[in-house]
Amino acid sequence: MSIPRFIENAIQYVSEAVTRIFAPNDDAYPNIGVQPFDGEPNKDEKSADW
């Protein structure tokens, strides 16, 4: 592999990473907000002594 080809591949690799980092968010999470805790806390009196 020639040096110019290696440099070209390195630049493409880094530029694709930068593009992915700064691209708009593409997550498909629903906008539901913060959900309250509806469960019961653990009432076990045991302590974890390691």
PDB file of N, CA and C in Angstrom:
ATOM      1  N   MET A   1       0.858  -1.171   0.000  1.00  0.00           N
ATOM      2  CA  MET A   1       0.000   0.000   0.000  1.00  0.00           C
ATOM      3  C   MET A   1       0.900   1.228   0.000  1.00  0.00           C
ATOM      4  N   SER A   2       0.615   2.131  -0.870  1.00  0.00           N
ATOM      5  CA  SER A   2       1.441   3.330  -0.966  1.00  0.00           C
ATOM      6  C   SER A   2       1.073   4.323   0.134  1.00  0.00           C
ATOM      7  N   ILE A   3       1.975   5.200   0.419  1.00  0.00           N
ATOM      8  CA  ILE A   3       1.781   6.185   1.486  1.00  0.00           C
ATOM      9  C   ILE A   3       0.618   7.124   1.178  1.00  0.00           C
ATOM     10  N   PRO A   4       0.475   7.653  -0.029  1.00  0.00           N
ATOM     11  CA  PRO A   4      -0.685   8.527  -0.289  1.00  0.00           C
ATOM     12  C   PRO A   4      -2.033   7.806  -0.083  1.00  0.00           C
ATOM     13  N   ARG A   5      -2.092   6.541  -0.461  1.00  0.00           N
ATOM     14  CA  ARG A   5      -3.335   5.778  -0.276  1.00  0.00           C
ATOM     15  C   ARG A   5      -3.612   5.579   1.217  1.00  0.00           C
ATOM     16  N   PHE A   6      -2.577   5.323   2.011  1.00  0.00           N
ATOM     17  CA  PHE A   6      -2.718   5.166   3.453  1.00  0.00           C
ATOM     18  C   PHE A   6      -3.210   6.466   4.084  1.00  0.00           C
ATOM     19  N   ILE A   7      -2.650   7.585   3.677  1.00  0.00           N
ATOM     20  CA  ILE A   7      -3.071   8.890   4.211  1.00  0.00           C
ATOM     21  C   ILE A   7      -4.513   9.178   3.829  1.00  0.00           C
ATOM     22  N   GLU A   8      -4.884   8.864   2.606  1.00  0.00           N
ATOM     23  CA  GLU A   8      -6.260   9.066   2.158  1.00  0.00           C
ATOM     24  C   GLU A   8      -7.238   8.238   2.983  1.00  0.00           C
ATOM     25  N   ASN A   9      -6.896   6.981   3.252  1.00  0.00           N
ATOM     26  CA  ASN A   9      -7.755   6.123   4.069  1.00  0.00           C
ATOM     27  C   ASN A   9      -7.848   6.636   5.500  1.00  0.00           C
ATOM     28  N   ALA A  10      -6.752   7.129   6.051  1.00  0.00           N
ATOM     29  CA  ALA A  10      -6.759   7.657   7.415  1.00  0.00           C
ATOM     30  C   ALA A  10      -7.632   8.899   7.520  1.00  0.00           C
ATOM     31  N   ILE A  11      -7.524   9.794   6.561  1.00  0.00           N
ATOM     32  CA  ILE A  11      -8.335  11.008   6.555  1.00  0.00           C
ATOM     33  C   ILE A  11      -9.816  10.654   6.413  1.00  0.00           C
ATOM     34  N   GLN A  12     -10.139   9.709   5.562  1.00  0.00           N
ATOM     35  CA  GLN A  12     -11.531   9.294   5.384  1.00  0.00           C
ATOM     36  C   GLN A  12     -12.068   8.674   6.667  1.00  0.00           C
ATOM     37  N   TYR A  13     -11.273   7.863   7.347  1.00  0.00           N
ATOM     38  CA  TYR A  13     -11.693   7.223   8.596  1.00  0.00           C
ATOM     39  C   TYR A  13     -12.017   8.267   9.664  1.00  0.00           C
ATOM     40  N   VAL A  14     -11.134   9.250   9.807  1.00  0.00           N
ATOM     41  CA  VAL A  14     -11.336  10.291  10.815  1.00  0.00           C
ATOM     42  C   VAL A  14     -12.515  11.182  10.443  1.00  0.00           C
ATOM     43  N   SER A  15     -12.640  11.536   9.189  1.00  0.00           N
ATOM     44  CA  SER A  15     -13.736  12.422   8.791  1.00  0.00           C
ATOM     45  C   SER A  15     -15.095  11.738   8.942  1.00  0.00           C
ATOM     46  N   GLU A  16     -15.185  10.434   8.700  1.00  0.00           N
ATOM     47  CA  GLU A  16     -16.441   9.722   8.913  1.00  0.00           C
ATOM     48  C   GLU A  16     -16.805   9.696  10.393  1.00  0.00           C
ATOM     49  N   ALA A  17     -15.815   9.552  11.253  1.00  0.00           N
ATOM     50  CA  ALA A  17     -16.076   9.561  12.693  1.00  0.00           C
ATOM     51  C   ALA A  17     -16.566  10.934  13.144  1.00  0.00           C
ATOM     52  N   VAL A  18     -15.928  11.992  12.670  1.00  0.00           N
ATOM     53  CA  VAL A  18     -16.336  13.351  13.035  1.00  0.00           C
ATOM     54  C   VAL A  18     -17.741  13.637  12.520  1.00  0.00           C
ATOM     55  N   THR A  19     -18.036  13.187  11.324  1.00  0.00           N
ATOM     56  CA  THR A  19     -19.372  13.388  10.755  1.00  0.00           C
ATOM     57  C   THR A  19     -20.418  12.671  11.591  1.00  0.00           C
ATOM     58  N   ARG A  20     -20.114  11.468  12.044  1.00  0.00           N
ATOM     59  CA  ARG A  20     -21.087  10.722  12.849  1.00  0.00           C
ATOM     60  C   ARG A  20     -21.282  11.373  14.216  1.00  0.00           C
ATOM     61  N   ILE A  21     -20.226  11.897  14.810  1.00  0.00           N
ATOM     62  CA  ILE A  21     -20.330  12.527  16.127  1.00  0.00           C
ATOM     63  C   ILE A  21     -21.189  13.782  16.058  1.00  0.00           C
ATOM     64  N   PHE A  22     -20.991  14.604  15.036  1.00  0.00           N
ATOM     65  CA  PHE A  22     -21.667  15.889  14.957  1.00  0.00           C
ATOM     66  C   PHE A  22     -22.910  15.878  14.075  1.00  0.00           C
ATOM     67  N   ALA A  23     -23.361  14.704  13.658  1.00  0.00           N
ATOM     68  CA  ALA A  23     -24.578  14.593  12.851  1.00  0.00           C
ATOM     69  C   ALA A  23     -25.796  14.787  13.746  1.00  0.00           C
ATOM     70  N   PRO A  24     -26.932  15.151  13.177  1.00  0.00           N
ATOM     71  CA  PRO A  24     -28.148  15.268  13.985  1.00  0.00           C
ATOM     72  C   PRO A  24     -28.494  13.933  14.643  1.00  0.00           C
ATOM     73  N   ASN A  25     -29.180  14.018  15.751  1.00  0.00           N
ATOM     74  CA  ASN A  25     -29.546  12.834  16.513  1.00  0.00           C
ATOM     75  C   ASN A  25     -30.528  11.991  15.713  1.00  0.00           C
ATOM     76  N   ASP A  26     -30.251  10.698  15.569  1.00  0.00           N
ATOM     77  CA  ASP A  26     -31.137   9.823  14.815  1.00  0.00           C
ATOM     78  C   ASP A  26     -31.775   8.753  15.694  1.00  0.00           C
ATOM     79  N   ASP A  27     -31.835   8.989  16.996  1.00  0.00           N
ATOM     80  CA  ASP A  27     -32.485   8.049  17.901  1.00  0.00           C
ATOM     81  C   ASP A  27     -33.994   8.130  17.720  1.00  0.00           C
ATOM     82  N   ALA A  28     -34.664   7.005  17.875  1.00  0.00           N
ATOM     83  CA  ALA A  28     -36.109   6.955  17.699  1.00  0.00           C
ATOM     84  C   ALA A  28     -36.813   6.741  19.034  1.00  0.00           C
ATOM     85  N   TYR A  29     -36.321   7.399  20.083  1.00  0.00           N
ATOM     86  CA  TYR A  29     -36.943   7.271  21.389  1.00  0.00           C
ATOM     87  C   TYR A  29     -38.196   8.133  21.447  1.00  0.00           C
ATOM     88  N   PRO A  30     -39.264   7.645  22.111  1.00  0.00           N
ATOM     89  CA  PRO A  30     -40.469   8.472  22.238  1.00  0.00           C
ATOM     90  C   PRO A  30     -40.245   9.618  23.222  1.00  0.00           C
ATOM     91  N   ASN A  31     -40.921  10.720  23.009  1.00  0.00           N
ATOM     92  CA  ASN A  31     -40.813  11.870  23.892  1.00  0.00           C
ATOM     93  C   ASN A  31     -41.807  11.712  25.036  1.00  0.00           C
ATOM     94  N   ILE A  32     -41.419  10.947  26.051  1.00  0.00           N
ATOM     95  CA  ILE A  32     -42.337  10.667  27.151  1.00  0.00           C
ATOM     96  C   ILE A  32     -41.949  11.388  28.425  1.00  0.00           C
ATOM     97  N   GLY A  33     -40.751  11.898  28.525  1.00  0.00           N
ATOM     98  CA  GLY A  33     -40.326  12.619  29.703  1.00  0.00           C
ATOM     99  C   GLY A  33     -39.872  11.705  30.823  1.00  0.00           C
ATOM    100  N   VAL A  34     -39.713  12.286  31.995  1.00  0.00           N
ATOM    101  CA  VAL A  34     -39.241  11.544  33.157  1.00  0.00           C
ATOM    102  C   VAL A  34     -40.398  10.756  33.754  1.00  0.00           C
ATOM    103  N   GLN A  35     -40.146   9.494  34.077  1.00  0.00           N
ATOM    104  CA  GLN A  35     -41.168   8.646  34.659  1.00  0.00           C
ATOM    105  C   GLN A  35     -40.925   8.510  36.163  1.00  0.00           C
ATOM    106  N   PRO A  36     -41.964   8.639  36.983  1.00  0.00           N
ATOM    107  CA  PRO A  36     -41.799   8.483  38.428  1.00  0.00           C
ATOM    108  C   PRO A  36     -41.551   7.027  38.804  1.00  0.00           C
ATOM    109  N   PHE A  37     -40.916   6.827  39.939  1.00  0.00           N
ATOM    110  CA  PHE A  37     -40.657   5.481  40.436  1.00  0.00           C
ATOM    111  C   PHE A  37     -41.934   4.938  41.064  1.00  0.00           C
ATOM    112  N   ASP A  38     -42.442   3.810  40.564  1.00  0.00           N
ATOM    113  CA  ASP A  38     -43.678   3.225  41.060  1.00  0.00           C
ATOM    114  C   ASP A  38     -43.449   1.958  41.872  1.00  0.00           C
ATOM    115  N   GLY A  39     -42.211   1.536  42.037  1.00  0.00           N
ATOM    116  CA  GLY A  39     -41.924   0.288  42.729  1.00  0.00           C
ATOM    117  C   GLY A  39     -41.745   0.475  44.215  1.00  0.00           C
ATOM    118  N   GLU A  40     -41.541  -0.604  44.888  1.00  0.00           N
ATOM    119  CA  GLU A  40     -41.301  -0.585  46.319  1.00  0.00           C
ATOM    120  C   GLU A  40     -39.800  -0.705  46.567  1.00  0.00           C
ATOM    121  N   PRO A  41     -39.252   0.088  47.477  1.00  0.00           N
ATOM    122  CA  PRO A  41     -37.830  -0.034  47.777  1.00  0.00           C
ATOM    123  C   PRO A  41     -37.534  -1.358  48.474  1.00  0.00           C
ATOM    124  N   ASN A  42     -36.329  -1.813  48.363  1.00  0.00           N
ATOM    125  CA  ASN A  42     -35.909  -3.057  48.980  1.00  0.00           C
ATOM    126  C   ASN A  42     -35.851  -2.856  50.500  1.00  0.00           C
ATOM    127  N   LYS A  43     -36.623  -3.648  51.253  1.00  0.00           N
ATOM    128  CA  LYS A  43     -36.664  -3.522  52.699  1.00  0.00           C
ATOM    129  C   LYS A  43     -35.810  -4.584  53.386  1.00  0.00           C
ATOM    130  N   ASP A  44     -34.969  -5.210  52.638  1.00  0.00           N
ATOM    131  CA  ASP A  44     -34.086  -6.228  53.188  1.00  0.00           C
ATOM    132  C   ASP A  44     -33.062  -5.544  54.099  1.00  0.00           C
ATOM    133  N   GLU A  45     -32.947  -6.005  55.343  1.00  0.00           N
ATOM    134  CA  GLU A  45     -32.071  -5.360  56.331  1.00  0.00           C
ATOM    135  C   GLU A  45     -30.636  -5.866  56.254  1.00  0.00           C
ATOM    136  N   LYS A  46     -30.345  -6.743  55.337  1.00  0.00           N
ATOM    137  CA  LYS A  46     -28.991  -7.284  55.217  1.00  0.00           C
ATOM    138  C   LYS A  46     -28.074  -6.238  54.586  1.00  0.00           C
ATOM    139  N   SER A  47     -26.851  -6.188  55.065  1.00  0.00           N
ATOM    140  CA  SER A  47     -25.883  -5.296  54.448  1.00  0.00           C
ATOM    141  C   SER A  47     -24.894  -6.134  53.655  1.00  0.00           C
ATOM    142  N   ALA A  48     -24.333  -5.558  52.683  1.00  0.00           N
ATOM    143  CA  ALA A  48     -23.373  -6.250  51.844  1.00  0.00           C
ATOM    144  C   ALA A  48     -21.979  -6.033  52.419  1.00  0.00           C
ATOM    145  N   ASP A  49     -21.530  -6.939  53.265  1.00  0.00           N
ATOM    146  CA  ASP A  49     -20.187  -6.868  53.827  1.00  0.00           C
ATOM    147  C   ASP A  49     -19.259  -7.705  52.972  1.00  0.00           C
ATOM    148  N   TRP A  50     -18.390  -7.056  52.292  1.00  0.00           N
ATOM    149  CA  TRP A  50     -17.473  -7.763  51.412  1.00  0.00           C
ATOM    150  C   TRP A  50     -16.275  -8.081  52.183  1.00  0.00           C
TER     151      TRP A  50
END
